[in-house]
Amino acid sequence: MSARQLSCVGAGQALHLLNSDEIQGKLSRGGGRAEVMANDKRPDAEKVRELFVWAFAHEPTPEQMAVALEHIQKNEKAKKVAYENILWALINTKEFQFNQ
């Protein structure tokens, strides 16, 4: 496959991840990772760390951790939505999309 073909595949995949009802449904479904994280009694920092390791095989930077924790705090009454948003953000990064 040429570099141009790989680029087109990557762009198509990126658009699918950004706009897909299927992806949104998977993120928000009952019993999914977001709901499990929202109901998990561990500290949020530990759960955010787990999501980064799952998505990227490394822990978040201090800045990434702060942003994620701030988002969770802002959505304290809707933690499932907060975790859905974090998961959506993680899978839409270049690092996740082009992870080989």
Protein backbone atom coordinates (compact mmCIF):
# COMPACT_ATOMS: atom_id res chain seq x y z
CA MET A 1 0.00 0.00 0.00
CA SER A 2 1.31 3.44 -0.87
CA ALA A 3 1.69 6.29 1.60
CA ARG A 4 -1.21 8.06 -0.14
CA GLN A 5 -3.47 5.02 0.29
CA LEU A 6 -2.50 4.74 3.95
CA SER A 7 -3.30 8.42 4.42
CA CYS A 8 -6.76 7.97 2.91
CA VAL A 9 -7.45 4.94 5.09
CA GLY A 10 -6.36 6.92 8.14
CA ALA A 11 -8.56 9.88 7.21
CA GLY A 12 -11.56 7.62 6.68
CA GLN A 13 -10.99 5.89 9.99
CA ALA A 14 -10.61 9.23 11.76
CA LEU A 15 -13.89 10.53 10.32
CA HIS A 16 -15.66 7.33 11.31
CA LEU A 17 -14.40 7.59 14.89
CA LEU A 18 -15.36 11.26 15.12
CA ASN A 19 -18.85 11.05 13.63
CA SER A 20 -20.11 7.49 13.97
CA ASP A 21 -23.36 6.73 15.77
CA GLU A 22 -21.99 3.19 16.12
CA ILE A 23 -18.94 4.42 18.06
CA GLN A 24 -21.08 6.73 20.21
CA GLY A 25 -23.42 3.83 20.93
CA LYS A 26 -20.54 1.63 21.99
CA LEU A 27 -19.20 4.33 24.29
CA SER A 28 -22.57 5.00 25.94
CA ARG A 29 -24.07 1.50 26.11
CA GLY A 30 -25.11 0.11 29.45
CA GLY A 31 -22.46 -2.09 31.02
CA GLY A 32 -19.75 -0.55 28.86
CA ARG A 33 -16.39 0.73 30.00
CA ALA A 34 -17.70 4.26 30.72
CA GLU A 35 -20.47 2.98 32.96
CA VAL A 36 -18.14 0.53 34.70
CA MET A 37 -15.65 3.34 35.37
CA ALA A 38 -18.38 5.70 36.59
CA ASN A 39 -19.61 3.10 39.11
CA ASP A 40 -16.15 1.94 40.17
CA LYS A 41 -15.35 3.11 43.72
CA ARG A 42 -11.61 3.56 43.10
CA PRO A 43 -10.22 7.12 42.97
CA ASP A 44 -10.77 8.83 39.61
CA ALA A 45 -7.03 9.29 39.10
CA GLU A 46 -6.54 5.53 39.24
CA LYS A 47 -9.32 4.97 36.70
CA VAL A 48 -7.96 7.65 34.35
CA ARG A 49 -4.52 6.03 34.58
CA GLU A 50 -6.10 2.69 33.64
CA LEU A 51 -7.80 4.22 30.58
CA PHE A 52 -4.54 5.71 29.33
CA VAL A 53 -2.70 2.43 29.77
CA TRP A 54 -5.55 0.64 27.94
CA ALA A 55 -5.52 3.13 25.06
CA PHE A 56 -1.81 3.99 24.77
CA ALA A 57 0.15 1.54 26.92
CA HIS A 58 1.50 4.40 29.03
CA GLU A 59 0.31 6.58 31.88
CA PRO A 60 -1.03 10.09 31.27
CA THR A 61 1.20 13.10 31.60
CA PRO A 62 0.51 15.33 34.62
CA GLU A 63 -1.28 17.78 32.28
CA GLN A 64 -3.44 15.04 30.74
CA MET A 65 -4.32 13.74 34.19
CA ALA A 66 -5.27 17.23 35.38
CA VAL A 67 -7.51 17.85 32.35
CA ALA A 68 -9.26 14.49 32.77
CA LEU A 69 -9.80 14.94 36.50
CA GLU A 70 -11.09 18.48 36.00
CA HIS A 71 -13.60 17.17 33.44
CA ILE A 72 -14.77 14.46 35.83
CA GLN A 73 -15.17 17.02 38.64
CA LYS A 74 -17.23 19.30 36.38
CA ASN A 75 -19.50 16.35 35.62
CA GLU A 76 -19.66 14.90 39.13
CA LYS A 77 -23.41 14.29 38.84
CA ALA A 78 -23.01 12.63 35.42
CA LYS A 79 -19.82 10.61 35.78
CA LYS A 80 -20.82 8.14 33.07
CA VAL A 81 -20.99 11.01 30.58
CA ALA A 82 -17.62 12.29 31.81
CA TYR A 83 -16.02 8.89 31.21
CA GLU A 84 -17.74 8.59 27.81
CA ASN A 85 -16.19 11.93 26.85
CA ILE A 86 -12.74 10.90 28.05
CA LEU A 87 -12.93 7.60 26.15
CA TRP A 88 -14.12 9.42 23.02
CA ALA A 89 -11.23 11.88 23.31
CA LEU A 90 -8.70 9.07 23.78
CA ILE A 91 -9.84 7.05 20.76
CA ASN A 92 -9.84 10.15 18.58
CA THR A 93 -6.19 11.00 19.18
CA LYS A 94 -3.61 10.35 16.49
CA GLU A 95 -1.72 8.25 19.01
CA PHE A 96 -4.65 5.83 19.32
CA GLN A 97 -5.63 5.83 15.65
CA PHE A 98 -2.17 5.11 14.34
CA ASN A 99 -1.01 2.86 17.17
CA GLN A 100 0.63 -0.18 15.65
